[in-house]
Amino acid sequence: MEFRLWLSASVLCWLGGGASAIKIPLEEILNLKSYDGAFRPNTHSGPTYVNVTLFIDSINVDDKKQVIGISGELLQEWVDQNLQFQFQGPSFLPSVELSGVSGASILRQVWRPDLVAGKELEAREPSSNLEFLRIKNDGHVVWTQRVRYSFPCHLDLQVYPLGSHKCILKLHSLGYESTELQPQWKEDATIDYSSVVMSHGYKLKGAKTSAKSVVIAHRPQRELQMEFDIESSGGWTVKHTVIPLVATVTCAYLAFFINIRGVCARMITCMMSFVTAAIFHESTYRNVPPSAQTMAVEVFTGTCLTFIFVATVESVVVDVLAHLPTKGRRSPPSSSFALEPDLMEERSGHKGPVAALWLDRCFRVLYPASFLAFNAVYWVLYN
């Protein structure tokens, strides 16, 4: 037996001091017997205007795939004169509510817009349980549905993982042309984007709506656009990339204070710093999107590796200079971990050890000064 939805409307009828309830079929209230949902409203009198509002709950940003996912509620409003209540007064029944759970059979009979997201990567079949339709007695229809859009967002990889990025969501009709359906954003000053749940490391600075006429599949259509301004805080990168790499560069700097003849200690310090930096460099790129552009994270990690490599080369050069053949007596052995190399090397007048000693002293100043200057320029330029 076919399921039939009934709307119970209670009318107080004082008959013998009691009250009785009158049950009216919802099909009769909406006059669905003479209503055809295949035809849009105002079919013979111009386009159908639809006011659209998007309430966003969460935004998920996939860095590696450069895909953004949006979850929220899409609210669409229009006027359908064919759904005006024909025989009820406004004070008796102001509106009819249909949910996707209890009113699905009648909800499917009502005409609804066919807005879809442009360039959607993971198209999902809309669930009838996640929608709600309100029909007022003057024919004003409000349709609310849960939506989830997934579309490409080309991040500005030159400043990745810092800076801000522009992502645009595009909505258009699947089949209606601009002369038939005219969607437009509804101006709503009460929408607050500060409570939107964002992916870790990102925050939503704002959203801007616009509409324009476009040609899609050889059909002129009206396209709605919502531009999201997403800013990357870079906190995750600072904790897991910047701080460890700065620490490895500092460890390589300590090699300049080891005795010029302690080549083993100097090389172990530099090589351990270089290997550690290379590991952090490789782990950073596991979640970095592939790009032909030079990214900010590449500049930082590459420069840190270069500083450690320079420290390693300097230790080799110092060792070569310290072991140049010299005339006269041999210098007495000294501690490999002495804070300052043996000054007898300088007083002896041998050019090799003296050059190695002064090279170390120069790098003790130039190395940290250059690294600090690089960081000052880097964070000002990319942040």
Protein backbone atom coordinates (compact mmCIF):
# COMPACT_ATOMS: atom_id res chain seq x y z
CA MET A 1 0.00 0.00 0.00
CA GLU A 2 1.49 3.31 -1.06
CA PHE A 3 2.67 5.49 1.79
CA ARG A 4 0.81 8.76 2.06
CA LEU A 5 1.98 11.69 4.18
CA TRP A 6 -0.70 13.47 6.21
CA LEU A 7 -0.35 16.81 7.94
CA SER A 8 -2.33 17.16 11.13
CA ALA A 9 -3.75 20.64 11.63
CA SER A 10 -5.80 21.11 14.79
CA VAL A 11 -8.77 23.45 14.64
CA LEU A 12 -10.64 24.25 17.80
CA CYS A 13 -14.31 23.65 17.21
CA TRP A 14 -16.33 24.29 20.30
CA LEU A 15 -18.98 21.68 19.86
CA GLY A 16 -20.51 20.69 23.10
CA GLY A 17 -17.52 22.09 25.05
CA GLY A 18 -14.99 19.76 23.31
CA ALA A 19 -12.34 20.09 20.63
CA SER A 20 -11.90 17.99 17.53
CA ALA A 21 -8.90 17.62 15.19
CA ILE A 22 -9.16 17.90 11.43
CA LYS A 23 -6.59 15.99 9.35
CA ILE A 24 -5.92 17.37 5.87
CA PRO A 25 -3.74 15.50 3.33
CA LEU A 26 -0.61 17.49 2.50
CA GLU A 27 -1.12 16.80 -1.20
CA GLU A 28 -4.40 18.73 -1.01
CA ILE A 29 -2.85 21.65 0.88
CA LEU A 30 -0.11 22.06 -1.76
CA ASN A 31 -2.47 21.06 -4.57
CA LEU A 32 0.09 18.57 -5.86
CA LYS A 33 -2.46 16.85 -8.10
CA SER A 34 -2.27 19.78 -10.53
CA TYR A 35 1.42 20.56 -9.79
CA ASP A 36 4.22 19.32 -12.04
CA GLY A 37 7.71 19.56 -10.52
CA ALA A 38 9.34 19.04 -13.91
CA PHE A 39 8.58 22.67 -14.81
CA ARG A 40 10.49 25.44 -13.10
CA PRO A 41 8.63 28.42 -11.62
CA ASN A 42 7.91 31.31 -14.02
CA THR A 43 8.44 29.08 -17.02
CA HIS A 44 6.58 31.42 -19.36
CA SER A 45 7.45 34.75 -17.70
CA GLY A 46 11.25 34.91 -17.57
CA PRO A 47 14.06 33.33 -15.54
CA THR A 48 13.70 31.89 -12.07
CA TYR A 49 15.67 33.88 -9.49
CA VAL A 50 17.28 31.87 -6.70
CA ASN A 51 18.94 33.45 -3.66
CA VAL A 52 21.88 31.35 -2.43
CA THR A 53 23.61 31.36 0.95
CA LEU A 54 26.48 29.07 1.95
CA PHE A 55 27.13 28.46 5.65
CA ILE A 56 30.58 26.89 6.08
CA ASP A 57 31.33 24.52 8.95
CA SER A 58 34.82 23.27 8.11
CA ILE A 59 37.56 23.65 5.50
CA ASN A 60 40.16 20.96 4.88
CA VAL A 61 43.30 21.79 2.91
CA ASP A 62 45.34 18.97 1.35
CA ASP A 63 48.78 20.48 0.68
CA LYS A 64 50.22 17.61 -1.29
CA LYS A 65 47.27 17.20 -3.67
CA GLN A 66 46.43 20.93 -3.66
CA VAL A 67 42.79 20.14 -2.98
CA ILE A 68 40.40 21.95 -0.66
CA GLY A 69 37.33 20.36 0.90
CA ILE A 70 34.39 22.38 2.24
CA SER A 71 31.55 21.13 4.45
CA GLY A 72 28.50 23.15 5.36
CA GLU A 73 24.89 23.99 4.58
CA LEU A 74 23.64 25.38 1.28
CA LEU A 75 20.46 27.42 1.56
CA GLN A 76 18.48 28.30 -1.59
CA GLU A 77 15.36 30.46 -1.73
CA TRP A 78 12.92 31.12 -4.57
CA VAL A 79 9.25 31.84 -5.21
CA ASP A 80 6.98 29.20 -6.74
CA GLN A 81 3.51 30.61 -7.26
CA ASN A 82 2.19 27.15 -8.05
CA LEU A 83 2.81 26.15 -4.43
CA GLN A 84 0.68 28.89 -2.88
CA PHE A 85 -1.93 27.60 -0.49
CA GLN A 86 -5.21 27.87 -2.37
CA PHE A 87 -7.74 27.45 0.41
CA GLN A 88 -6.01 28.26 3.69
CA GLY A 89 -5.62 31.64 5.35
CA PRO A 90 -2.25 32.91 6.60
CA SER A 91 -3.30 32.70 10.24
CA PHE A 92 -4.22 29.03 9.97
CA LEU A 93 -1.16 27.44 8.35
CA PRO A 94 1.73 29.85 7.58
CA SER A 95 4.12 27.21 6.20
CA VAL A 96 4.69 23.55 5.51
CA GLU A 97 7.93 21.81 6.53
CA LEU A 98 9.30 18.74 4.76
CA SER A 99 12.38 16.87 5.96
CA GLY A 100 14.36 14.36 3.98
CA VAL A 101 13.44 11.67 6.50
CA SER A 102 9.67 11.96 6.88
CA GLY A 103 8.68 13.95 3.82
CA ALA A 104 10.92 12.48 1.14
CA SER A 105 8.01 11.21 -0.99
CA ILE A 106 6.48 14.69 -1.35
CA LEU A 107 9.80 16.53 -1.35
CA ARG A 108 10.76 14.72 -4.55
CA GLN A 109 7.67 16.13 -6.29
CA VAL A 110 8.69 19.77 -5.72
CA TRP A 111 10.90 21.57 -8.24
CA ARG A 112 14.39 22.43 -6.91
CA PRO A 113 17.44 24.17 -8.46
CA ASP A 114 20.26 22.03 -9.84
CA LEU A 115 23.34 23.94 -8.65
CA VAL A 116 26.61 21.98 -8.73
CA ALA A 117 30.23 22.84 -7.97
CA GLY A 118 32.49 23.46 -10.94
CA LYS A 119 35.62 21.28 -11.30
CA GLU A 120 34.54 19.12 -8.37
CA LEU A 121 36.99 16.27 -7.88
CA GLU A 122 34.91 13.92 -5.75
CA ALA A 123 31.29 14.29 -6.80
CA ARG A 124 28.97 12.79 -4.19
CA GLU A 125 25.39 11.71 -4.64
CA PRO A 126 23.30 14.06 -2.48
CA SER A 127 21.51 12.30 0.35
CA SER A 128 17.77 12.95 0.65
CA ASN A 129 18.03 12.53 4.41
CA LEU A 130 20.25 15.61 4.70
CA GLU A 131 17.84 18.19 3.32
CA PHE A 132 14.93 20.24 4.56
CA LEU A 133 12.25 22.10 2.56
CA ARG A 134 10.02 24.86 3.92
CA ILE A 135 7.12 26.11 1.80
CA LYS A 136 5.32 29.25 2.94
CA ASN A 137 1.69 29.99 2.09
CA ASP A 138 2.72 32.78 -0.33
CA GLY A 139 4.81 30.36 -2.43
CA HIS A 140 8.18 31.32 -0.93
CA VAL A 141 10.35 28.17 -0.81
CA VAL A 142 13.46 27.68 1.33
CA TRP A 143 15.59 24.60 0.65
CA THR A 144 18.44 23.68 3.00
CA GLN A 145 20.80 20.80 2.32
CA ARG A 146 24.08 19.51 3.72
CA VAL A 147 26.85 19.81 1.14
CA ARG A 148 30.45 18.76 0.83
CA TYR A 149 32.55 20.13 -2.02
CA SER A 150 36.03 19.03 -3.05
CA PHE A 151 37.76 21.12 -5.69
CA PRO A 152 41.33 22.01 -6.76
CA CYS A 153 43.05 25.01 -5.20
CA HIS A 154 46.35 26.09 -6.72
CA LEU A 155 48.44 27.16 -3.74
CA ASP A 156 51.03 29.89 -4.05
CA LEU A 157 53.97 27.51 -3.75
CA GLN A 158 56.59 30.24 -3.94
CA VAL A 159 55.79 31.18 -0.34
CA TYR A 160 54.83 27.68 0.82
CA PRO A 161 54.36 26.88 3.68
CA LEU A 162 53.97 30.55 4.56
CA GLY A 163 51.84 33.34 3.12
CA SER A 164 48.20 33.33 2.04
CA HIS A 165 46.39 31.49 -0.74
CA LYS A 166 43.29 32.23 -2.83
CA CYS A 167 40.82 29.39 -3.40
CA ILE A 168 37.64 29.87 -5.45
CA LEU A 169 34.48 27.77 -5.20
CA LYS A 170 32.30 27.98 -8.34
CA LEU A 171 28.61 27.06 -8.44
CA HIS A 172 26.51 26.88 -11.59
CA SER A 173 23.39 25.19 -12.92
CA LEU A 174 23.83 21.71 -14.32
CA GLY A 175 21.39 22.22 -17.19
CA TYR A 176 19.56 25.56 -17.08
CA GLU A 177 20.87 28.50 -19.09
CA SER A 178 21.14 32.04 -17.78
CA THR A 179 17.84 32.96 -19.46
CA GLU A 180 16.11 30.23 -17.47
CA LEU A 181 17.81 30.24 -14.06
CA GLN A 182 19.45 33.21 -12.36
CA PRO A 183 21.21 32.22 -9.12
CA GLN A 184 22.52 35.07 -6.99
CA TRP A 185 24.21 35.41 -3.62
CA LYS A 186 21.99 36.61 -0.83
CA GLU A 187 23.58 39.40 1.16
CA ASP A 188 23.71 38.22 4.76
CA ALA A 189 25.75 40.29 7.18
CA THR A 190 25.18 37.80 10.00
CA ILE A 191 27.45 35.12 8.50
CA ASP A 192 30.50 34.69 10.74
CA TYR A 193 33.52 32.89 9.31
CA SER A 194 35.60 33.14 12.49
CA SER A 195 34.11 29.89 13.84
CA VAL A 196 34.99 27.83 10.76
CA VAL A 197 37.05 24.75 11.63
CA MET A 198 40.25 24.81 9.57
CA SER A 199 43.00 22.33 8.80
CA HIS A 200 45.96 22.36 11.15
CA GLY A 201 48.27 25.25 10.30
CA TYR A 202 45.69 27.29 8.36
CA LYS A 203 43.21 30.01 9.21
CA LEU A 204 40.45 31.66 7.19
CA LYS A 205 40.99 35.40 6.82
CA GLY A 206 37.74 35.99 4.92
CA ALA A 207 35.46 35.07 2.05
CA LYS A 208 34.24 37.22 -0.84
CA THR A 209 31.28 36.42 -3.09
CA SER A 210 30.70 37.40 -6.70
CA ALA A 211 28.70 36.36 -9.76
CA LYS A 212 29.37 36.54 -13.48
CA SER A 213 28.09 35.24 -16.81
CA VAL A 214 30.10 32.39 -18.31
CA VAL A 215 29.80 29.84 -21.10
CA ILE A 216 29.89 26.21 -19.91
CA ALA A 217 29.47 23.35 -22.37
CA HIS A 218 28.42 25.82 -25.09
CA ARG A 219 25.63 27.15 -22.86
CA PRO A 220 25.48 30.69 -21.39
CA GLN A 221 25.07 30.36 -17.63
CA ARG A 222 25.23 32.38 -14.47
CA GLU A 223 28.12 31.33 -12.23
CA LEU A 224 28.43 32.05 -8.52
CA GLN A 225 31.93 32.37 -7.06
CA MET A 226 33.13 32.41 -3.47
CA GLU A 227 36.80 33.31 -2.98
CA PHE A 228 38.43 32.09 0.23
CA ASP A 229 41.49 33.88 1.60
CA ILE A 230 43.37 31.14 3.45
CA GLU A 231 46.51 32.01 5.42
CA SER A 232 49.15 29.52 6.49
CA SER A 233 50.56 30.12 9.95
CA GLY A 234 53.64 27.94 9.38
CA GLY A 235 53.68 26.85 13.02
CA TRP A 236 54.03 23.16 12.17
CA THR A 237 56.92 23.88 9.82
CA VAL A 238 58.68 26.05 12.40
CA LYS A 239 58.48 23.35 15.07
CA HIS A 240 59.42 20.38 12.89
CA THR A 241 61.73 21.89 10.28
CA VAL A 242 63.08 25.33 11.12
CA ILE A 243 64.10 24.73 14.75
CA PRO A 244 65.84 21.35 14.10
CA LEU A 245 67.73 22.77 11.09
CA VAL A 246 68.84 25.83 13.05
CA ALA A 247 70.11 23.45 15.75
CA THR A 248 72.15 21.43 13.23
CA VAL A 249 73.67 24.58 11.76
CA THR A 250 74.65 25.64 15.29
CA CYS A 251 76.27 22.23 15.94
CA ALA A 252 78.32 22.60 12.77
CA TYR A 253 79.40 26.03 14.00
CA LEU A 254 80.96 24.45 17.12
CA ALA A 255 83.53 22.73 14.89
CA PHE A 256 85.32 26.07 14.46
CA PHE A 257 86.26 26.00 18.15
CA ILE A 258 87.90 22.58 18.05
CA ASN A 259 91.71 22.45 17.77
CA ILE A 260 92.90 22.72 14.16
CA ARG A 261 94.71 19.40 14.50
CA GLY A 262 91.64 17.58 15.83
CA VAL A 263 90.39 16.75 12.34
CA CYS A 264 88.49 13.65 13.46
CA ALA A 265 86.45 15.57 16.03
CA ARG A 266 85.77 18.38 13.58
CA MET A 267 84.68 16.07 10.75
CA ILE A 268 82.47 13.97 13.03
CA THR A 269 80.71 17.13 14.25
CA CYS A 270 80.18 18.44 10.73
CA MET A 271 79.14 15.13 9.19
CA MET A 272 76.68 14.32 11.97
CA SER A 273 75.15 17.78 11.52
CA PHE A 274 74.96 17.29 7.76
CA VAL A 275 73.31 13.85 8.01
CA THR A 276 70.80 15.10 10.58
CA ALA A 277 69.91 18.11 8.41
CA ALA A 278 69.52 15.84 5.37
CA ILE A 279 67.09 13.62 7.30
CA PHE A 280 64.96 16.61 8.32
CA HIS A 281 65.16 17.91 4.75
CA GLU A 282 63.86 14.62 3.36
CA SER A 283 61.11 14.24 5.97
CA THR A 284 59.88 17.76 5.21
CA TYR A 285 59.35 16.94 1.53
CA ARG A 286 57.07 13.98 2.19
CA ASN A 287 54.06 16.29 2.57
CA VAL A 288 55.21 19.06 0.24
CA PRO A 289 53.35 19.32 -3.10
CA PRO A 290 55.56 18.70 -6.14
CA SER A 291 56.22 21.89 -8.03
CA ALA A 292 58.65 23.33 -10.56
CA GLN A 293 58.67 26.58 -8.60
CA THR A 294 61.24 27.30 -5.91
CA MET A 295 59.35 27.13 -2.63
CA ALA A 296 60.17 29.01 0.55
CA VAL A 297 60.78 25.76 2.45
CA GLU A 298 63.26 24.69 -0.23
CA VAL A 299 65.19 27.93 0.15
CA PHE A 300 65.48 27.50 3.92
CA THR A 301 66.41 23.81 3.99
CA GLY A 302 68.78 24.18 1.04
CA THR A 303 70.55 27.16 2.64
CA CYS A 304 70.97 25.30 5.95
CA LEU A 305 72.50 22.34 4.15
CA THR A 306 74.81 24.74 2.31
CA PHE A 307 76.00 26.30 5.59
CA ILE A 308 76.77 22.87 7.06
CA PHE A 309 78.54 21.83 3.86
CA VAL A 310 80.68 24.99 4.00
CA ALA A 311 81.60 24.21 7.62
CA THR A 312 82.66 20.71 6.54
CA VAL A 313 84.79 22.04 3.68
CA GLU A 314 86.38 24.60 6.00
CA SER A 315 87.37 21.83 8.43
CA VAL A 316 89.07 19.93 5.60
CA VAL A 317 90.92 23.04 4.43
CA VAL A 318 92.03 23.83 7.98
CA ASP A 319 93.34 20.29 8.41
CA VAL A 320 95.31 20.50 5.17
CA LEU A 321 96.84 23.83 6.18
CA ALA A 322 97.66 22.57 9.68
CA HIS A 323 99.58 19.58 8.28
CA LEU A 324 101.67 21.39 5.72
CA PRO A 325 105.33 20.33 5.99
CA THR A 326 107.25 22.75 8.24
CA LYS A 327 110.94 23.23 8.93
CA GLY A 328 112.36 23.02 12.41
CA ARG A 329 111.04 21.19 15.40
CA ARG A 330 107.57 19.73 15.55
CA SER A 331 104.90 21.46 17.55
CA PRO A 332 103.99 19.76 20.81
CA PRO A 333 100.78 17.78 20.79
CA SER A 334 97.68 19.66 21.92
CA SER A 335 94.20 18.70 23.02
CA SER A 336 91.77 18.03 20.18
CA PHE A 337 88.94 19.74 22.03
CA ALA A 338 90.81 22.84 23.16
CA LEU A 339 88.68 25.98 23.01
CA GLU A 340 91.55 27.86 21.37
CA PRO A 341 94.24 26.25 19.19
CA ASP A 342 97.81 26.14 20.50
CA LEU A 343 99.22 29.67 20.19
CA MET A 344 102.72 28.25 19.74
CA GLU A 345 101.62 27.50 16.17
CA GLU A 346 101.17 31.22 15.63
CA ARG A 347 104.45 32.20 17.32
CA SER A 348 106.44 29.64 15.39
CA GLY A 349 105.93 31.55 12.16
CA HIS A 350 104.85 28.51 10.13
CA LYS A 351 102.51 29.79 7.40
CA GLY A 352 100.28 26.70 7.25
CA PRO A 353 99.18 26.50 10.89
CA VAL A 354 98.94 30.27 11.13
CA ALA A 355 96.68 30.42 8.06
CA ALA A 356 94.53 27.61 9.47
CA LEU A 357 94.23 29.41 12.80
CA TRP A 358 93.17 32.71 11.24
CA LEU A 359 90.76 30.96 8.88
CA ASP A 360 89.06 29.45 11.91
CA ARG A 361 88.85 32.85 13.59
CA CYS A 362 87.32 34.44 10.49
CA PHE A 363 84.68 31.72 10.19
CA ARG A 364 83.74 32.11 13.84
CA VAL A 365 82.50 35.59 12.96
CA LEU A 366 81.44 35.26 9.32
CA TYR A 367 79.51 32.00 9.74
CA PRO A 368 76.97 33.14 12.38
CA ALA A 369 76.79 36.66 10.93
CA SER A 370 75.89 35.28 7.49
CA PHE A 371 73.32 32.89 8.93
CA LEU A 372 71.66 35.63 10.97
CA ALA A 373 71.59 37.91 7.92
CA PHE A 374 70.01 35.15 5.85
CA ASN A 375 67.28 34.58 8.46
CA ALA A 376 66.54 38.29 8.69
CA VAL A 377 66.08 38.56 4.91
CA TYR A 378 64.22 35.26 4.65
CA TRP A 379 61.54 35.92 7.27
CA VAL A 380 60.95 39.47 6.09
CA LEU A 381 60.70 38.41 2.44
CA TYR A 382 58.49 35.32 2.84
CA ASN A 383 56.39 36.34 5.81
